[in-house]
Amino acid sequence: MEITVTVDGSRVTYAPEGKLTVQTASELDKTIVSSFPEDASDLEIDLANVDYVSSSGLRVFVSASKLAVLHGGSFSLLHPRDDVMDVLEVTGMADVFTVVR
């Protein structure tokens, strides 16, 4: 899985590509944990290039959200495709997280 990381002041955006499954979600999680700067606060995951999210991917979103809150910031999911948005809505995650279409 390719993951692009962009830092803009206190905001860090992670943009994975492909499917977030049990095989790939841990890579995104490790990337977030290892590269989130101490002085950052806001964390975004750009889902524009993600075409599937499993429960393992959803767990990464929960962990990332907790990390942002720990740093006093916010957490957002950006640009989910329709299939991914369906998963977020069915699981109730769309009501828990800020989702920017």
C-alpha atoms as a PDB file:
ATOM      1  CA  MET A   1       0.000   0.000   0.000  1.00  0.00           C
ATOM      2  CA  GLU A   2       1.263   3.439  -0.887  1.00  0.00           C
ATOM      3  CA  ILE A   3       0.597   6.162   1.678  1.00  0.00           C
ATOM      4  CA  THR A   4       1.302   9.827   1.026  1.00  0.00           C
ATOM      5  CA  VAL A   5       1.876  11.961   4.121  1.00  0.00           C
ATOM      6  CA  THR A   6       1.449  15.737   3.923  1.00  0.00           C
ATOM      7  CA  VAL A   7       2.223  18.080   6.813  1.00  0.00           C
ATOM      8  CA  ASP A   8       0.746  21.587   6.727  1.00  0.00           C
ATOM      9  CA  GLY A   9       1.393  23.383   9.997  1.00  0.00           C
ATOM     10  CA  SER A  10      -0.425  21.492  12.722  1.00  0.00           C
ATOM     11  CA  ARG A  11      -2.445  19.398  10.225  1.00  0.00           C
ATOM     12  CA  VAL A  12      -1.213  16.044   8.925  1.00  0.00           C
ATOM     13  CA  THR A  13      -2.978  14.322   6.045  1.00  0.00           C
ATOM     14  CA  TYR A  14      -2.508  10.632   5.277  1.00  0.00           C
ATOM     15  CA  ALA A  15      -3.608   9.519   1.811  1.00  0.00           C
ATOM     16  CA  PRO A  16      -3.556   5.729   1.387  1.00  0.00           C
ATOM     17  CA  GLU A  17      -4.232   4.044  -1.950  1.00  0.00           C
ATOM     18  CA  GLY A  18      -6.038   0.766  -2.537  1.00  0.00           C
ATOM     19  CA  LYS A  19      -7.970  -1.363  -0.091  1.00  0.00           C
ATOM     20  CA  LEU A  20      -7.865  -1.071   3.707  1.00  0.00           C
ATOM     21  CA  THR A  21      -8.074  -4.721   4.734  1.00  0.00           C
ATOM     22  CA  VAL A  22      -6.638  -6.869   7.486  1.00  0.00           C
ATOM     23  CA  GLN A  23      -3.488  -7.170   5.344  1.00  0.00           C
ATOM     24  CA  THR A  24      -2.993  -3.435   4.720  1.00  0.00           C
ATOM     25  CA  ALA A  25      -4.627  -1.544   7.600  1.00  0.00           C
ATOM     26  CA  SER A  26      -1.736  -2.221   9.953  1.00  0.00           C
ATOM     27  CA  GLU A  27       0.611  -0.472   7.531  1.00  0.00           C
ATOM     28  CA  LEU A  28      -1.517   2.678   7.654  1.00  0.00           C
ATOM     29  CA  ASP A  29      -1.726   2.446  11.443  1.00  0.00           C
ATOM     30  CA  LYS A  30       2.059   2.068  11.794  1.00  0.00           C
ATOM     31  CA  THR A  31       2.638   4.976   9.413  1.00  0.00           C
ATOM     32  CA  ILE A  32       0.329   7.244  11.401  1.00  0.00           C
ATOM     33  CA  VAL A  33       1.807   6.297  14.776  1.00  0.00           C
ATOM     34  CA  SER A  34       5.416   6.600  13.605  1.00  0.00           C
ATOM     35  CA  SER A  35       5.111   9.810  11.600  1.00  0.00           C
ATOM     36  CA  PHE A  36       2.590  11.994  13.484  1.00  0.00           C
ATOM     37  CA  PRO A  37       4.665  14.952  14.712  1.00  0.00           C
ATOM     38  CA  GLU A  38       4.643  15.809  18.412  1.00  0.00           C
ATOM     39  CA  ASP A  39       3.631  19.402  17.633  1.00  0.00           C
ATOM     40  CA  ALA A  40       0.805  18.423  15.258  1.00  0.00           C
ATOM     41  CA  SER A  41      -2.811  18.309  16.369  1.00  0.00           C
ATOM     42  CA  ASP A  42      -5.180  17.766  13.443  1.00  0.00           C
ATOM     43  CA  LEU A  43      -5.191  14.451  11.638  1.00  0.00           C
ATOM     44  CA  GLU A  44      -6.903  13.736   8.325  1.00  0.00           C
ATOM     45  CA  ILE A  45      -7.190  10.576   6.295  1.00  0.00           C
ATOM     46  CA  ASP A  46      -7.868  11.238   2.627  1.00  0.00           C
ATOM     47  CA  LEU A  47      -9.892   8.315   1.263  1.00  0.00           C
ATOM     48  CA  ALA A  48     -10.125   9.540  -2.346  1.00  0.00           C
ATOM     49  CA  ASN A  49      -7.984   6.620  -3.555  1.00  0.00           C
ATOM     50  CA  VAL A  50      -9.376   3.962  -1.207  1.00  0.00           C
ATOM     51  CA  ASP A  51     -11.965   1.678  -2.772  1.00  0.00           C
ATOM     52  CA  TYR A  52     -12.680  -0.670   0.152  1.00  0.00           C
ATOM     53  CA  VAL A  53     -12.564  -0.473   3.958  1.00  0.00           C
ATOM     54  CA  SER A  54     -12.874  -3.523   6.217  1.00  0.00           C
ATOM     55  CA  SER A  55     -13.369  -3.580   9.970  1.00  0.00           C
ATOM     56  CA  SER A  56      -9.568  -3.457  10.290  1.00  0.00           C
ATOM     57  CA  GLY A  57      -9.569  -0.159   8.419  1.00  0.00           C
ATOM     58  CA  LEU A  58     -12.316   1.166  10.674  1.00  0.00           C
ATOM     59  CA  ARG A  59     -10.172   0.309  13.710  1.00  0.00           C
ATOM     60  CA  VAL A  60      -7.363   2.421  12.231  1.00  0.00           C
ATOM     61  CA  PHE A  61      -9.787   5.351  11.990  1.00  0.00           C
ATOM     62  CA  VAL A  62     -10.698   4.942  15.661  1.00  0.00           C
ATOM     63  CA  SER A  63      -7.025   4.793  16.690  1.00  0.00           C
ATOM     64  CA  ALA A  64      -6.162   7.822  14.559  1.00  0.00           C
ATOM     65  CA  SER A  65      -9.060   9.743  16.084  1.00  0.00           C
ATOM     66  CA  LYS A  66      -7.798   8.963  19.585  1.00  0.00           C
ATOM     67  CA  LEU A  67      -4.308  10.147  18.613  1.00  0.00           C
ATOM     68  CA  ALA A  68      -5.674  13.473  17.344  1.00  0.00           C
ATOM     69  CA  VAL A  69      -7.721  13.969  20.518  1.00  0.00           C
ATOM     70  CA  LEU A  70      -4.661  13.125  22.630  1.00  0.00           C
ATOM     71  CA  HIS A  71      -2.864  15.973  20.840  1.00  0.00           C
ATOM     72  CA  GLY A  72      -5.790  18.332  21.401  1.00  0.00           C
ATOM     73  CA  GLY A  73      -6.808  18.331  17.763  1.00  0.00           C
ATOM     74  CA  SER A  74      -9.450  17.113  15.366  1.00  0.00           C
ATOM     75  CA  PHE A  75      -9.899  14.074  13.145  1.00  0.00           C
ATOM     76  CA  SER A  76     -11.474  14.021   9.693  1.00  0.00           C
ATOM     77  CA  LEU A  77     -12.071  11.550   6.891  1.00  0.00           C
ATOM     78  CA  LEU A  78     -11.823  13.218   3.499  1.00  0.00           C
ATOM     79  CA  HIS A  79     -13.347  12.412   0.104  1.00  0.00           C
ATOM     80  CA  PRO A  80     -14.651   8.872   0.647  1.00  0.00           C
ATOM     81  CA  ARG A  81     -15.899   7.098  -2.457  1.00  0.00           C
ATOM     82  CA  ASP A  82     -19.524   5.985  -2.474  1.00  0.00           C
ATOM     83  CA  ASP A  83     -18.750   2.374  -1.455  1.00  0.00           C
ATOM     84  CA  VAL A  84     -16.570   3.539   1.432  1.00  0.00           C
ATOM     85  CA  MET A  85     -19.199   6.091   2.474  1.00  0.00           C
ATOM     86  CA  ASP A  86     -21.756   3.271   2.560  1.00  0.00           C
ATOM     87  CA  VAL A  87     -19.545   1.371   5.031  1.00  0.00           C
ATOM     88  CA  LEU A  88     -19.140   4.482   7.188  1.00  0.00           C
ATOM     89  CA  GLU A  89     -22.897   5.037   7.236  1.00  0.00           C
ATOM     90  CA  VAL A  90     -23.870   1.403   7.910  1.00  0.00           C
ATOM     91  CA  THR A  91     -21.411   1.141  10.799  1.00  0.00           C
ATOM     92  CA  GLY A  92     -22.401   4.516  12.280  1.00  0.00           C
ATOM     93  CA  MET A  93     -18.897   5.905  11.800  1.00  0.00           C
ATOM     94  CA  ALA A  94     -20.272   8.689   9.585  1.00  0.00           C
ATOM     95  CA  ASP A  95     -22.067  10.006  12.670  1.00  0.00           C
ATOM     96  CA  VAL A  96     -18.992   9.750  14.901  1.00  0.00           C
ATOM     97  CA  PHE A  97     -16.316  11.266  12.658  1.00  0.00           C
ATOM     98  CA  THR A  98     -16.204  14.420  10.597  1.00  0.00           C
ATOM     99  CA  VAL A  99     -16.564  13.266   6.990  1.00  0.00           C
ATOM    100  CA  VAL A 100     -15.813  15.756   4.218  1.00  0.00           C
ATOM    101  CA  ARG A 101     -17.200  14.663   0.866  1.00  0.00           C
END
